[in-house]
Amino acid sequence: MSEKKGLLNFLKLDNIVEHFIGLVESKIEIAKIEIKAELAQGISKGIVALLLIFFMALFFLFLNIAIALFIGHAVDNLGLGFLMVSGFYLVVFILLYLMKDFLKLDTFFEDKLSDVLKRNKP
């Protein structure tokens, strides 16, 4: 072991090795900091998206209640108004379910998600 250190000292490589190790450690620390920053940014964007989705869902819920009440008053039967609104969504659900392969919804959303992920990379 002392022969190795003596050889490194003789060739002045010990200083180079120390600098190289320091450089590698610095690169690792920078990578950790960048990962933490990207993670924090992703989490904050996710929270904002969830808040937007939550409030849009509330708006959509109250809008549908208003439509159901409006239809219910128009036909003089509130229950029928709610039944018509839910029937509409049942028809939309069935159509989407039956046409999911034709519309290729899974590949559409997969492509959109991969585009978003590629765009966010530096």
PDB file of N, CA and C in Angstrom:
ATOM      1  N   MET A   1       0.824  -1.193   0.000  1.00  0.00           N
ATOM      2  CA  MET A   1       0.000   0.000   0.000  1.00  0.00           C
ATOM      3  C   MET A   1       0.864   1.250   0.000  1.00  0.00           C
ATOM      4  N   SER A   2       1.957   1.237   0.782  1.00  0.00           N
ATOM      5  CA  SER A   2       2.821   2.415   0.820  1.00  0.00           C
ATOM      6  C   SER A   2       3.567   2.572  -0.500  1.00  0.00           C
ATOM      7  N   GLU A   3       3.851   1.449  -1.178  1.00  0.00           N
ATOM      8  CA  GLU A   3       4.488   1.538  -2.495  1.00  0.00           C
ATOM      9  C   GLU A   3       3.560   2.240  -3.482  1.00  0.00           C
ATOM     10  N   LYS A   4       2.248   1.934  -3.366  1.00  0.00           N
ATOM     11  CA  LYS A   4       1.270   2.564  -4.252  1.00  0.00           C
ATOM     12  C   LYS A   4       1.205   4.061  -3.997  1.00  0.00           C
ATOM     13  N   LYS A   5       1.182   4.458  -2.718  1.00  0.00           N
ATOM     14  CA  LYS A   5       1.154   5.886  -2.389  1.00  0.00           C
ATOM     15  C   LYS A   5       2.450   6.562  -2.821  1.00  0.00           C
ATOM     16  N   GLY A   6       3.556   5.855  -2.655  1.00  0.00           N
ATOM     17  CA  GLY A   6       4.830   6.424  -3.066  1.00  0.00           C
ATOM     18  C   GLY A   6       4.880   6.633  -4.564  1.00  0.00           C
ATOM     19  N   LEU A   7       4.314   5.684  -5.310  1.00  0.00           N
ATOM     20  CA  LEU A   7       4.290   5.801  -6.764  1.00  0.00           C
ATOM     21  C   LEU A   7       3.375   6.952  -7.194  1.00  0.00           C
ATOM     22  N   LEU A   8       2.195   7.065  -6.503  1.00  0.00           N
ATOM     23  CA  LEU A   8       1.287   8.162  -6.828  1.00  0.00           C
ATOM     24  C   LEU A   8       1.932   9.517  -6.522  1.00  0.00           C
ATOM     25  N   ASN A   9       2.654   9.592  -5.383  1.00  0.00           N
ATOM     26  CA  ASN A   9       3.347  10.841  -5.042  1.00  0.00           C
ATOM     27  C   ASN A   9       4.447  11.144  -6.049  1.00  0.00           C
ATOM     28  N   PHE A  10       5.158  10.106  -6.454  1.00  0.00           N
ATOM     29  CA  PHE A  10       6.261  10.286  -7.396  1.00  0.00           C
ATOM     30  C   PHE A  10       5.746  10.809  -8.742  1.00  0.00           C
ATOM     31  N   LEU A  11       4.624  10.258  -9.172  1.00  0.00           N
ATOM     32  CA  LEU A  11       4.081  10.675 -10.472  1.00  0.00           C
ATOM     33  C   LEU A  11       3.126  11.870 -10.357  1.00  0.00           C
ATOM     34  N   LYS A  12       2.933  12.384  -9.143  1.00  0.00           N
ATOM     35  CA  LYS A  12       2.045  13.515  -8.865  1.00  0.00           C
ATOM     36  C   LYS A  12       0.595  13.193  -9.256  1.00  0.00           C
ATOM     37  N   LEU A  13       0.237  11.918  -9.174  1.00  0.00           N
ATOM     38  CA  LEU A  13      -1.115  11.498  -9.512  1.00  0.00           C
ATOM     39  C   LEU A  13      -2.053  11.564  -8.317  1.00  0.00           C
ATOM     40  N   ASP A  14      -1.509  11.601  -7.110  1.00  0.00           N
ATOM     41  CA  ASP A  14      -2.373  11.634  -5.933  1.00  0.00           C
ATOM     42  C   ASP A  14      -3.276  12.869  -5.929  1.00  0.00           C
ATOM     43  N   ASN A  15      -2.729  13.989  -6.357  1.00  0.00           N
ATOM     44  CA  ASN A  15      -3.511  15.222  -6.429  1.00  0.00           C
ATOM     45  C   ASN A  15      -4.592  15.114  -7.500  1.00  0.00           C
ATOM     46  N   ILE A  16      -4.257  14.509  -8.621  1.00  0.00           N
ATOM     47  CA  ILE A  16      -5.219  14.331  -9.710  1.00  0.00           C
ATOM     48  C   ILE A  16      -6.343  13.403  -9.268  1.00  0.00           C
ATOM     49  N   VAL A  17      -6.006  12.326  -8.577  1.00  0.00           N
ATOM     50  CA  VAL A  17      -7.008  11.378  -8.101  1.00  0.00           C
ATOM     51  C   VAL A  17      -7.936  12.065  -7.101  1.00  0.00           C
ATOM     52  N   GLU A  18      -7.391  12.861  -6.195  1.00  0.00           N
ATOM     53  CA  GLU A  18      -8.226  13.573  -5.216  1.00  0.00           C
ATOM     54  C   GLU A  18      -9.169  14.547  -5.909  1.00  0.00           C
ATOM     55  N   HIS A  19      -8.659  15.255  -6.906  1.00  0.00           N
ATOM     56  CA  HIS A  19      -9.513  16.187  -7.651  1.00  0.00           C
ATOM     57  C   HIS A  19     -10.608  15.437  -8.419  1.00  0.00           C
ATOM     58  N   PHE A  20     -10.250  14.306  -8.998  1.00  0.00           N
ATOM     59  CA  PHE A  20     -11.228  13.514  -9.735  1.00  0.00           C
ATOM     60  C   PHE A  20     -12.328  13.001  -8.800  1.00  0.00           C
ATOM     61  N   ILE A  21     -11.940  12.517  -7.637  1.00  0.00           N
ATOM     62  CA  ILE A  21     -12.928  12.039  -6.658  1.00  0.00           C
ATOM     63  C   ILE A  21     -13.821  13.197  -6.206  1.00  0.00           C
ATOM     64  N   GLY A  22     -13.223  14.347  -5.980  1.00  0.00           N
ATOM     65  CA  GLY A  22     -14.006  15.527  -5.606  1.00  0.00           C
ATOM     66  C   GLY A  22     -14.969  15.931  -6.713  1.00  0.00           C
ATOM     67  N   LEU A  23     -14.513  15.842  -7.956  1.00  0.00           N
ATOM     68  CA  LEU A  23     -15.378  16.173  -9.095  1.00  0.00           C
ATOM     69  C   LEU A  23     -16.566  15.222  -9.172  1.00  0.00           C
ATOM     70  N   VAL A  24     -16.319  13.927  -9.008  1.00  0.00           N
ATOM     71  CA  VAL A  24     -17.395  12.939  -9.055  1.00  0.00           C
ATOM     72  C   VAL A  24     -18.389  13.176  -7.910  1.00  0.00           C
ATOM     73  N   GLU A  25     -17.892  13.433  -6.723  1.00  0.00           N
ATOM     74  CA  GLU A  25     -18.784  13.710  -5.592  1.00  0.00           C
ATOM     75  C   GLU A  25     -19.611  14.969  -5.836  1.00  0.00           C
ATOM     76  N   SER A  26     -19.011  15.996  -6.420  1.00  0.00           N
ATOM     77  CA  SER A  26     -19.742  17.227  -6.729  1.00  0.00           C
ATOM     78  C   SER A  26     -20.836  16.964  -7.758  1.00  0.00           C
ATOM     79  N   LYS A  27     -20.518  16.163  -8.791  1.00  0.00           N
ATOM     80  CA  LYS A  27     -21.510  15.830  -9.810  1.00  0.00           C
ATOM     81  C   LYS A  27     -22.686  15.072  -9.195  1.00  0.00           C
ATOM     82  N   ILE A  28     -22.397  14.175  -8.270  1.00  0.00           N
ATOM     83  CA  ILE A  28     -23.454  13.411  -7.607  1.00  0.00           C
ATOM     84  C   ILE A  28     -24.343  14.351  -6.793  1.00  0.00           C
ATOM     85  N   GLU A  29     -23.744  15.288  -6.064  1.00  0.00           N
ATOM     86  CA  GLU A  29     -24.527  16.237  -5.276  1.00  0.00           C
ATOM     87  C   GLU A  29     -25.380  17.136  -6.168  1.00  0.00           C
ATOM     88  N   ILE A  30     -24.827  17.572  -7.290  1.00  0.00           N
ATOM     89  CA  ILE A  30     -25.599  18.405  -8.224  1.00  0.00           C
ATOM     90  C   ILE A  30     -26.778  17.620  -8.775  1.00  0.00           C
ATOM     91  N   ALA A  31     -26.542  16.350  -9.116  1.00  0.00           N
ATOM     92  CA  ALA A  31     -27.626  15.510  -9.631  1.00  0.00           C
ATOM     93  C   ALA A  31     -28.722  15.338  -8.581  1.00  0.00           C
ATOM     94  N   LYS A  32     -28.345  15.155  -7.321  1.00  0.00           N
ATOM     95  CA  LYS A  32     -29.333  15.027  -6.249  1.00  0.00           C
ATOM     96  C   LYS A  32     -30.169  16.304  -6.119  1.00  0.00           C
ATOM     97  N   ILE A  33     -29.503  17.446  -6.175  1.00  0.00           N
ATOM     98  CA  ILE A  33     -30.208  18.725  -6.060  1.00  0.00           C
ATOM     99  C   ILE A  33     -31.154  18.926  -7.234  1.00  0.00           C
ATOM    100  N   GLU A  34     -30.712  18.582  -8.450  1.00  0.00           N
ATOM    101  CA  GLU A  34     -31.571  18.727  -9.628  1.00  0.00           C
ATOM    102  C   GLU A  34     -32.780  17.802  -9.543  1.00  0.00           C
ATOM    103  N   ILE A  35     -32.575  16.581  -9.065  1.00  0.00           N
ATOM    104  CA  ILE A  35     -33.687  15.640  -8.927  1.00  0.00           C
ATOM    105  C   ILE A  35     -34.690  16.163  -7.912  1.00  0.00           C
ATOM    106  N   LYS A  36     -34.203  16.693  -6.787  1.00  0.00           N
ATOM    107  CA  LYS A  36     -35.106  17.246  -5.775  1.00  0.00           C
ATOM    108  C   LYS A  36     -35.886  18.426  -6.331  1.00  0.00           C
ATOM    109  N   ALA A  37     -35.230  19.284  -7.113  1.00  0.00           N
ATOM    110  CA  ALA A  37     -35.913  20.449  -7.689  1.00  0.00           C
ATOM    111  C   ALA A  37     -36.982  20.009  -8.684  1.00  0.00           C
ATOM    112  N   GLU A  38     -36.658  19.025  -9.532  1.00  0.00           N
ATOM    113  CA  GLU A  38     -37.638  18.529 -10.497  1.00  0.00           C
ATOM    114  C   GLU A  38     -38.799  17.846  -9.792  1.00  0.00           C
ATOM    115  N   LEU A  39     -38.513  17.127  -8.735  1.00  0.00           N
ATOM    116  CA  LEU A  39     -39.568  16.459  -7.971  1.00  0.00           C
ATOM    117  C   LEU A  39     -40.491  17.493  -7.317  1.00  0.00           C
ATOM    118  N   ALA A  40     -39.909  18.522  -6.735  1.00  0.00           N
ATOM    119  CA  ALA A  40     -40.723  19.574  -6.121  1.00  0.00           C
ATOM    120  C   ALA A  40     -41.575  20.282  -7.157  1.00  0.00           C
ATOM    121  N   GLN A  41     -41.009  20.535  -8.319  1.00  0.00           N
ATOM    122  CA  GLN A  41     -41.762  21.185  -9.389  1.00  0.00           C
ATOM    123  C   GLN A  41     -42.900  20.286  -9.865  1.00  0.00           C
ATOM    124  N   GLY A  42     -42.632  18.997 -10.018  1.00  0.00           N
ATOM    125  CA  GLY A  42     -43.665  18.060 -10.444  1.00  0.00           C
ATOM    126  C   GLY A  42     -44.785  17.936  -9.428  1.00  0.00           C
ATOM    127  N   ILE A  43     -44.426  17.874  -8.160  1.00  0.00           N
ATOM    128  CA  ILE A  43     -45.438  17.773  -7.109  1.00  0.00           C
ATOM    129  C   ILE A  43     -46.286  19.045  -7.062  1.00  0.00           C
ATOM    130  N   SER A  44     -45.654  20.200  -7.189  1.00  0.00           N
ATOM    131  CA  SER A  44     -46.430  21.451  -7.144  1.00  0.00           C
ATOM    132  C   SER A  44     -47.359  21.557  -8.352  1.00  0.00           C
ATOM    133  N   LYS A  45     -46.899  21.138  -9.521  1.00  0.00           N
ATOM    134  CA  LYS A  45     -47.779  21.141 -10.693  1.00  0.00           C
ATOM    135  C   LYS A  45     -48.929  20.156 -10.502  1.00  0.00           C
ATOM    136  N   GLY A  46     -48.651  19.019  -9.882  1.00  0.00           N
ATOM    137  CA  GLY A  46     -49.696  18.040  -9.617  1.00  0.00           C
ATOM    138  C   GLY A  46     -50.739  18.571  -8.658  1.00  0.00           C
ATOM    139  N   ILE A  47     -50.310  19.277  -7.631  1.00  0.00           N
ATOM    140  CA  ILE A  47     -51.248  19.856  -6.661  1.00  0.00           C
ATOM    141  C   ILE A  47     -52.127  20.901  -7.338  1.00  0.00           C
ATOM    142  N   VAL A  48     -51.530  21.750  -8.156  1.00  0.00           N
ATOM    143  CA  VAL A  48     -52.309  22.760  -8.869  1.00  0.00           C
ATOM    144  C   VAL A  48     -53.316  22.088  -9.800  1.00  0.00           C
ATOM    145  N   ALA A  49     -52.887  21.043 -10.502  1.00  0.00           N
ATOM    146  CA  ALA A  49     -53.803  20.326 -11.401  1.00  0.00           C
ATOM    147  C   ALA A  49     -54.947  19.696 -10.619  1.00  0.00           C
ATOM    148  N   LEU A  50     -54.644  19.111  -9.464  1.00  0.00           N
ATOM    149  CA  LEU A  50     -55.703  18.518  -8.648  1.00  0.00           C
ATOM    150  C   LEU A  50     -56.695  19.565  -8.150  1.00  0.00           C
ATOM    151  N   LEU A  51     -56.201  20.724  -7.764  1.00  0.00           N
ATOM    152  CA  LEU A  51     -57.095  21.801  -7.334  1.00  0.00           C
ATOM    153  C   LEU A  51     -58.000  22.263  -8.474  1.00  0.00           C
ATOM    154  N   LEU A  52     -57.406  22.412  -9.659  1.00  0.00           N
ATOM    155  CA  LEU A  52     -58.213  22.817 -10.813  1.00  0.00           C
ATOM    156  C   LEU A  52     -59.270  21.770 -11.145  1.00  0.00           C
ATOM    157  N   ILE A  53     -58.880  20.506 -11.101  1.00  0.00           N
ATOM    158  CA  ILE A  53     -59.828  19.428 -11.381  1.00  0.00           C
ATOM    159  C   ILE A  53     -60.932  19.403 -10.333  1.00  0.00           C
ATOM    160  N   PHE A  54     -60.573  19.603  -9.077  1.00  0.00           N
ATOM    161  CA  PHE A  54     -61.556  19.600  -8.001  1.00  0.00           C
ATOM    162  C   PHE A  54     -62.605  20.692  -8.205  1.00  0.00           C
ATOM    163  N   PHE A  55     -62.146  21.918  -8.488  1.00  0.00           N
ATOM    164  CA  PHE A  55     -63.094  23.009  -8.642  1.00  0.00           C
ATOM    165  C   PHE A  55     -63.897  22.898  -9.940  1.00  0.00           C
ATOM    166  N   MET A  56     -63.289  22.335 -10.968  1.00  0.00           N
ATOM    167  CA  MET A  56     -64.044  22.098 -12.198  1.00  0.00           C
ATOM    168  C   MET A  56     -65.101  21.023 -11.957  1.00  0.00           C
ATOM    169  N   ALA A  57     -64.774  20.011 -11.175  1.00  0.00           N
ATOM    170  CA  ALA A  57     -65.753  18.973 -10.848  1.00  0.00           C
ATOM    171  C   ALA A  57     -66.913  19.548 -10.035  1.00  0.00           C
ATOM    172  N   LEU A  58     -66.600  20.434  -9.100  1.00  0.00           N
ATOM    173  CA  LEU A  58     -67.676  21.085  -8.344  1.00  0.00           C
ATOM    174  C   LEU A  58     -68.576  21.909  -9.258  1.00  0.00           C
ATOM    175  N   PHE A  59     -67.965  22.668 -10.158  1.00  0.00           N
ATOM    176  CA  PHE A  59     -68.744  23.455 -11.115  1.00  0.00           C
ATOM    177  C   PHE A  59     -69.626  22.539 -11.953  1.00  0.00           C
ATOM    178  N   PHE A  60     -69.043  21.461 -12.457  1.00  0.00           N
ATOM    179  CA  PHE A  60     -69.773  20.518 -13.299  1.00  0.00           C
ATOM    180  C   PHE A  60     -70.917  19.862 -12.524  1.00  0.00           C
ATOM    181  N   LEU A  61     -70.665  19.526 -11.266  1.00  0.00           N
ATOM    182  CA  LEU A  61     -71.707  18.928 -10.431  1.00  0.00           C
ATOM    183  C   LEU A  61     -72.893  19.878 -10.258  1.00  0.00           C
ATOM    184  N   PHE A  62     -72.612  21.120  -9.882  1.00  0.00           N
ATOM    185  CA  PHE A  62     -73.695  22.077  -9.667  1.00  0.00           C
ATOM    186  C   PHE A  62     -74.388  22.449 -10.975  1.00  0.00           C
ATOM    187  N   LEU A  63     -73.649  22.480 -12.063  1.00  0.00           N
ATOM    188  CA  LEU A  63     -74.267  22.727 -13.358  1.00  0.00           C
ATOM    189  C   LEU A  63     -75.249  21.609 -13.706  1.00  0.00           C
ATOM    190  N   ASN A  64     -74.859  20.369 -13.456  1.00  0.00           N
ATOM    191  CA  ASN A  64     -75.745  19.246 -13.739  1.00  0.00           C
ATOM    192  C   ASN A  64     -76.962  19.232 -12.813  1.00  0.00           C
ATOM    193  N   ILE A  65     -76.769  19.620 -11.582  1.00  0.00           N
ATOM    194  CA  ILE A  65     -77.918  19.724 -10.668  1.00  0.00           C
ATOM    195  C   ILE A  65     -78.875  20.800 -11.172  1.00  0.00           C
ATOM    196  N   ALA A  66     -78.322  21.928 -11.618  1.00  0.00           N
ATOM    197  CA  ALA A  66     -79.168  23.003 -12.138  1.00  0.00           C
ATOM    198  C   ALA A  66     -79.922  22.545 -13.385  1.00  0.00           C
ATOM    199  N   ILE A  67     -79.249  21.832 -14.271  1.00  0.00           N
ATOM    200  CA  ILE A  67     -79.914  21.330 -15.482  1.00  0.00           C
ATOM    201  C   ILE A  67     -81.020  20.344 -15.106  1.00  0.00           C
ATOM    202  N   ALA A  68     -80.723  19.453 -14.158  1.00  0.00           N
ATOM    203  CA  ALA A  68     -81.731  18.474 -13.730  1.00  0.00           C
ATOM    204  C   ALA A  68     -82.932  19.179 -13.095  1.00  0.00           C
ATOM    205  N   LEU A  69     -82.686  20.199 -12.282  1.00  0.00           N
ATOM    206  CA  LEU A  69     -83.793  20.951 -11.683  1.00  0.00           C
ATOM    207  C   LEU A  69     -84.606  21.686 -12.743  1.00  0.00           C
ATOM    208  N   PHE A  70     -83.903  22.268 -13.724  1.00  0.00           N
ATOM    209  CA  PHE A  70     -84.584  22.969 -14.803  1.00  0.00           C
ATOM    210  C   PHE A  70     -85.487  22.017 -15.592  1.00  0.00           C
ATOM    211  N   ILE A  71     -84.930  20.862 -15.966  1.00  0.00           N
ATOM    212  CA  ILE A  71     -85.732  19.865 -16.702  1.00  0.00           C
ATOM    213  C   ILE A  71     -86.877  19.372 -15.825  1.00  0.00           C
ATOM    214  N   GLY A  72     -86.594  19.130 -14.549  1.00  0.00           N
ATOM    215  CA  GLY A  72     -87.617  18.661 -13.626  1.00  0.00           C
ATOM    216  C   GLY A  72     -88.771  19.642 -13.496  1.00  0.00           C
ATOM    217  N   HIS A  73     -88.469  20.937 -13.422  1.00  0.00           N
ATOM    218  CA  HIS A  73     -89.531  21.943 -13.346  1.00  0.00           C
ATOM    219  C   HIS A  73     -90.290  22.039 -14.674  1.00  0.00           C
ATOM    220  N   ALA A  74     -89.574  21.849 -15.787  1.00  0.00           N
ATOM    221  CA  ALA A  74     -90.225  21.940 -17.098  1.00  0.00           C
ATOM    222  C   ALA A  74     -91.225  20.806 -17.299  1.00  0.00           C
ATOM    223  N   VAL A  75     -90.931  19.620 -16.751  1.00  0.00           N
ATOM    224  CA  VAL A  75     -91.842  18.478 -16.919  1.00  0.00           C
ATOM    225  C   VAL A  75     -92.672  18.237 -15.659  1.00  0.00           C
ATOM    226  N   ASP A  76     -92.562  19.113 -14.703  1.00  0.00           N
ATOM    227  CA  ASP A  76     -93.291  19.018 -13.428  1.00  0.00           C
ATOM    228  C   ASP A  76     -92.991  17.733 -12.661  1.00  0.00           C
ATOM    229  N   ASN A  77     -91.766  17.262 -12.756  1.00  0.00           N
ATOM    230  CA  ASN A  77     -91.358  16.067 -12.015  1.00  0.00           C
ATOM    231  C   ASN A  77     -89.845  16.150 -11.807  1.00  0.00           C
ATOM    232  N   LEU A  78     -89.409  16.534 -10.592  1.00  0.00           N
ATOM    233  CA  LEU A  78     -87.975  16.697 -10.332  1.00  0.00           C
ATOM    234  C   LEU A  78     -87.210  15.391 -10.513  1.00  0.00           C
ATOM    235  N   GLY A  79     -87.800  14.293 -10.071  1.00  0.00           N
ATOM    236  CA  GLY A  79     -87.131  12.998 -10.204  1.00  0.00           C
ATOM    237  C   GLY A  79     -86.865  12.646 -11.656  1.00  0.00           C
ATOM    238  N   LEU A  80     -87.813  12.972 -12.518  1.00  0.00           N
ATOM    239  CA  LEU A  80     -87.639  12.698 -13.942  1.00  0.00           C
ATOM    240  C   LEU A  80     -86.525  13.563 -14.535  1.00  0.00           C
ATOM    241  N   GLY A  81     -86.391  14.785 -14.045  1.00  0.00           N
ATOM    242  CA  GLY A  81     -85.303  15.648 -14.511  1.00  0.00           C
ATOM    243  C   GLY A  81     -83.946  15.065 -14.174  1.00  0.00           C
ATOM    244  N   PHE A  82     -83.788  14.590 -12.941  1.00  0.00           N
ATOM    245  CA  PHE A  82     -82.520  13.967 -12.548  1.00  0.00           C
ATOM    246  C   PHE A  82     -82.296  12.667 -13.301  1.00  0.00           C
ATOM    247  N   LEU A  83     -83.385  11.918 -13.528  1.00  0.00           N
ATOM    248  CA  LEU A  83     -83.276  10.665 -14.273  1.00  0.00           C
ATOM    249  C   LEU A  83     -82.840  10.922 -15.714  1.00  0.00           C
ATOM    250  N   MET A  84     -83.333  11.984 -16.313  1.00  0.00           N
ATOM    251  CA  MET A  84     -82.947  12.306 -17.688  1.00  0.00           C
ATOM    252  C   MET A  84     -81.478  12.717 -17.779  1.00  0.00           C
ATOM    253  N   VAL A  85     -81.032  13.494 -16.831  1.00  0.00           N
ATOM    254  CA  VAL A  85     -79.621  13.906 -16.842  1.00  0.00           C
ATOM    255  C   VAL A  85     -78.719  12.696 -16.633  1.00  0.00           C
ATOM    256  N   SER A  86     -79.053  11.833 -15.669  1.00  0.00           N
ATOM    257  CA  SER A  86     -78.213  10.648 -15.465  1.00  0.00           C
ATOM    258  C   SER A  86     -78.333   9.684 -16.632  1.00  0.00           C
ATOM    259  N   GLY A  87     -79.491   9.623 -17.285  1.00  0.00           N
ATOM    260  CA  GLY A  87     -79.639   8.788 -18.469  1.00  0.00           C
ATOM    261  C   GLY A  87     -78.753   9.271 -19.601  1.00  0.00           C
ATOM    262  N   PHE A  88     -78.642  10.592 -19.729  1.00  0.00           N
ATOM    263  CA  PHE A  88     -77.746  11.155 -20.739  1.00  0.00           C
ATOM    264  C   PHE A  88     -76.311  10.688 -20.502  1.00  0.00           C
ATOM    265  N   TYR A  89     -75.859  10.755 -19.255  1.00  0.00           N
ATOM    266  CA  TYR A  89     -74.487  10.338 -18.953  1.00  0.00           C
ATOM    267  C   TYR A  89     -74.314   8.830 -19.111  1.00  0.00           C
ATOM    268  N   LEU A  90     -75.363   8.075 -18.861  1.00  0.00           N
ATOM    269  CA  LEU A  90     -75.295   6.634 -19.090  1.00  0.00           C
ATOM    270  C   LEU A  90     -75.126   6.340 -20.579  1.00  0.00           C
ATOM    271  N   VAL A  91     -75.852   7.057 -21.425  1.00  0.00           N
ATOM    272  CA  VAL A  91     -75.724   6.880 -22.881  1.00  0.00           C
ATOM    273  C   VAL A  91     -74.319   7.271 -23.336  1.00  0.00           C
ATOM    274  N   VAL A  92     -73.786   8.379 -22.823  1.00  0.00           N
ATOM    275  CA  VAL A  92     -72.427   8.803 -23.175  1.00  0.00           C
ATOM    276  C   VAL A  92     -71.416   7.739 -22.746  1.00  0.00           C
ATOM    277  N   PHE A  93     -71.589   7.206 -21.541  1.00  0.00           N
ATOM    278  CA  PHE A  93     -70.688   6.169 -21.048  1.00  0.00           C
ATOM    279  C   PHE A  93     -70.740   4.930 -21.940  1.00  0.00           C
ATOM    280  N   ILE A  94     -71.939   4.489 -22.274  1.00  0.00           N
ATOM    281  CA  ILE A  94     -72.078   3.286 -23.106  1.00  0.00           C
ATOM    282  C   ILE A  94     -71.462   3.510 -24.479  1.00  0.00           C
ATOM    283  N   LEU A  95     -71.700   4.675 -25.075  1.00  0.00           N
ATOM    284  CA  LEU A  95     -71.111   4.968 -26.385  1.00  0.00           C
ATOM    285  C   LEU A  95     -69.585   4.982 -26.324  1.00  0.00           C
ATOM    286  N   LEU A  96     -69.030   5.621 -25.310  1.00  0.00           N
ATOM    287  CA  LEU A  96     -67.569   5.642 -25.169  1.00  0.00           C
ATOM    288  C   LEU A  96     -67.019   4.240 -24.940  1.00  0.00           C
ATOM    289  N   TYR A  97     -67.716   3.455 -24.140  1.00  0.00           N
ATOM    290  CA  TYR A  97     -67.252   2.094 -23.870  1.00  0.00           C
ATOM    291  C   TYR A  97     -67.277   1.246 -25.135  1.00  0.00           C
ATOM    292  N   LEU A  98     -68.336   1.366 -25.909  1.00  0.00           N
ATOM    293  CA  LEU A  98     -68.447   0.564 -27.128  1.00  0.00           C
ATOM    294  C   LEU A  98     -67.492   1.040 -28.222  1.00  0.00           C
ATOM    295  N   MET A  99     -67.158   2.323 -28.212  1.00  0.00           N
ATOM    296  CA  MET A  99     -66.309   2.873 -29.270  1.00  0.00           C
ATOM    297  C   MET A  99     -64.861   3.074 -28.834  1.00  0.00           C
ATOM    298  N   LYS A 100     -64.498   2.545 -27.670  1.00  0.00           N
ATOM    299  CA  LYS A 100     -63.146   2.807 -27.158  1.00  0.00           C
ATOM    300  C   LYS A 100     -62.074   2.238 -28.077  1.00  0.00           C
ATOM    301  N   ASP A 101     -62.308   1.088 -28.680  1.00  0.00           N
ATOM    302  CA  ASP A 101     -61.322   0.516 -29.599  1.00  0.00           C
ATOM    303  C   ASP A 101     -61.306   1.282 -30.918  1.00  0.00           C
ATOM    304  N   PHE A 102     -62.477   1.693 -31.386  1.00  0.00           N
ATOM    305  CA  PHE A 102     -62.565   2.441 -32.638  1.00  0.00           C
ATOM    306  C   PHE A 102     -61.904   3.812 -32.502  1.00  0.00           C
ATOM    307  N   LEU A 103     -62.156   4.471 -31.393  1.00  0.00           N
ATOM    308  CA  LEU A 103     -61.592   5.798 -31.168  1.00  0.00           C
ATOM    309  C   LEU A 103     -60.135   5.763 -30.729  1.00  0.00           C
ATOM    310  N   LYS A 104     -59.663   4.588 -30.285  1.00  0.00           N
ATOM    311  CA  LYS A 104     -58.281   4.415 -29.803  1.00  0.00           C
ATOM    312  C   LYS A 104     -57.946   5.442 -28.715  1.00  0.00           C
ATOM    313  N   LEU A 105     -58.823   5.506 -27.715  1.00  0.00           N
ATOM    314  CA  LEU A 105     -58.642   6.472 -26.629  1.00  0.00           C
ATOM    315  C   LEU A 105     -57.394   6.190 -25.815  1.00  0.00           C
ATOM    316  N   ASP A 106     -57.065   4.903 -25.621  1.00  0.00           N
ATOM    317  CA  ASP A 106     -55.889   4.591 -24.812  1.00  0.00           C
ATOM    318  C   ASP A 106     -54.612   5.062 -25.488  1.00  0.00           C
ATOM    319  N   THR A 107     -54.478   4.872 -26.795  1.00  0.00           N
ATOM    320  CA  THR A 107     -53.270   5.339 -27.481  1.00  0.00           C
ATOM    321  C   THR A 107     -53.255   6.864 -27.580  1.00  0.00           C
ATOM    322  N   PHE A 108     -54.435   7.465 -27.707  1.00  0.00           N
ATOM    323  CA  PHE A 108     -54.507   8.933 -27.750  1.00  0.00           C
ATOM    324  C   PHE A 108     -53.954   9.533 -26.465  1.00  0.00           C
ATOM    325  N   PHE A 109     -54.433   9.036 -25.322  1.00  0.00           N
ATOM    326  CA  PHE A 109     -53.967   9.575 -24.045  1.00  0.00           C
ATOM    327  C   PHE A 109     -52.506   9.197 -23.779  1.00  0.00           C
ATOM    328  N   GLU A 110     -52.088   8.024 -24.222  1.00  0.00           N
ATOM    329  CA  GLU A 110     -50.689   7.622 -24.062  1.00  0.00           C
ATOM    330  C   GLU A 110     -49.780   8.546 -24.858  1.00  0.00           C
ATOM    331  N   ASP A 111     -50.167   8.874 -26.093  1.00  0.00           N
ATOM    332  CA  ASP A 111     -49.366   9.787 -26.913  1.00  0.00           C
ATOM    333  C   ASP A 111     -49.310  11.183 -26.302  1.00  0.00           C
ATOM    334  N   LYS A 112     -50.444  11.666 -25.809  1.00  0.00           N
ATOM    335  CA  LYS A 112     -50.464  12.998 -25.194  1.00  0.00           C
ATOM    336  C   LYS A 112     -49.583  13.048 -23.949  1.00  0.00           C
ATOM    337  N   LEU A 113     -49.655  11.997 -23.136  1.00  0.00           N
ATOM    338  CA  LEU A 113     -48.846  11.945 -21.920  1.00  0.00           C
ATOM    339  C   LEU A 113     -47.366  11.880 -22.256  1.00  0.00           C
ATOM    340  N   SER A 114     -46.999  11.083 -23.244  1.00  0.00           N
ATOM    341  CA  SER A 114     -45.586  11.002 -23.605  1.00  0.00           C
ATOM    342  C   SER A 114     -45.092  12.318 -24.194  1.00  0.00           C
ATOM    343  N   ASP A 115     -45.954  13.043 -24.935  1.00  0.00           N
ATOM    344  CA  ASP A 115     -45.575  14.365 -25.446  1.00  0.00           C
ATOM    345  C   ASP A 115     -45.312  15.342 -24.302  1.00  0.00           C
ATOM    346  N   VAL A 116     -46.166  15.307 -23.298  1.00  0.00           N
ATOM    347  CA  VAL A 116     -45.992  16.196 -22.146  1.00  0.00           C
ATOM    348  C   VAL A 116     -44.700  15.860 -21.413  1.00  0.00           C
ATOM    349  N   LEU A 117     -44.429  14.570 -21.226  1.00  0.00           N
ATOM    350  CA  LEU A 117     -43.220  14.169 -20.515  1.00  0.00           C
ATOM    351  C   LEU A 117     -41.966  14.518 -21.315  1.00  0.00           C
ATOM    352  N   LYS A 118     -42.004  14.375 -22.620  1.00  0.00           N
ATOM    353  CA  LYS A 118     -40.845  14.720 -23.451  1.00  0.00           C
ATOM    354  C   LYS A 118     -40.606  16.219 -23.462  1.00  0.00           C
ATOM    355  N   ARG A 119     -41.681  16.998 -23.445  1.00  0.00           N
ATOM    356  CA  ARG A 119     -41.560  18.452 -23.484  1.00  0.00           C
ATOM    357  C   ARG A 119     -40.941  18.990 -22.210  1.00  0.00           C
ATOM    358  N   ASN A 120     -41.180  18.326 -21.070  1.00  0.00           N
ATOM    359  CA  ASN A 120     -40.663  18.805 -19.791  1.00  0.00           C
ATOM    360  C   ASN A 120     -39.210  18.449 -19.568  1.00  0.00           C
ATOM    361  N   LYS A 121     -38.643  17.577 -20.403  1.00  0.00           N
ATOM    362  CA  LYS A 121     -37.228  17.224 -20.232  1.00  0.00           C
ATOM    363  C   LYS A 121     -36.352  18.333 -20.803  1.00  0.00           C
ATOM    364  N   PRO A 122     -35.210  18.586 -20.138  1.00  0.00           N
ATOM    365  CA  PRO A 122     -34.314  19.651 -20.627  1.00  0.00           C
ATOM    366  C   PRO A 122     -33.580  19.234 -21.877  1.00  0.00           C
TER     367      PRO A 122
END
